[in-house]
Amino acid sequence: LKKRNIPIAIASRTEAPDLARETLKLLRVPQSQIPASTSSDSTSTTSTDSASPSTTKAMDLFTHLQIYPGSKIRHFERLHATTQLAYEEMVFFDDEARNREVERLGVVMWLVRDGVSVSEVDEGVRSWRKRNRRMHVEDE
């Protein structure tokens, strides 16, 4: 997605922003879980097991971070100001229904119950396309 200039952001209302950032630096995502157009240059192979897949730091998958206590509305206002993207161009994946409040800004929210998966991303993007009347033939 970075290569396609599609920004990916994190919006977290955590009371421990430093810990959240450190966790994102330590968390490794296997390349097999990252679409080829998303992966960054920061890959490595675990030295303890030569058969381990290459991994990318989770932090490196994101272009914008909004990690601090506060409402999701504030997070998205700042993302909008930073990126200059219209709210209607944003799709938001979250596991808390209360964060649907961002939809009043024009953001499309997709509720995920068991974590974000490829199929959840596909469904969220379909929802965004439908809301914004940008349906593709394969979505109909």
Foldseek 3Di string as FASTA:
>chain_A
DVQVVDADEDAAQDACQVVVLVQLQVDWDFPVQPPPVQDDPPWDADPVDPPGGITDRNNVSGDYYRHHHDAVLVVVVVVCVVVVDQLLVAEAEEQDPVNCVSCVSNHHYQHDNPDDGPVSVVVRVLVSCVVVVNDDPVSD
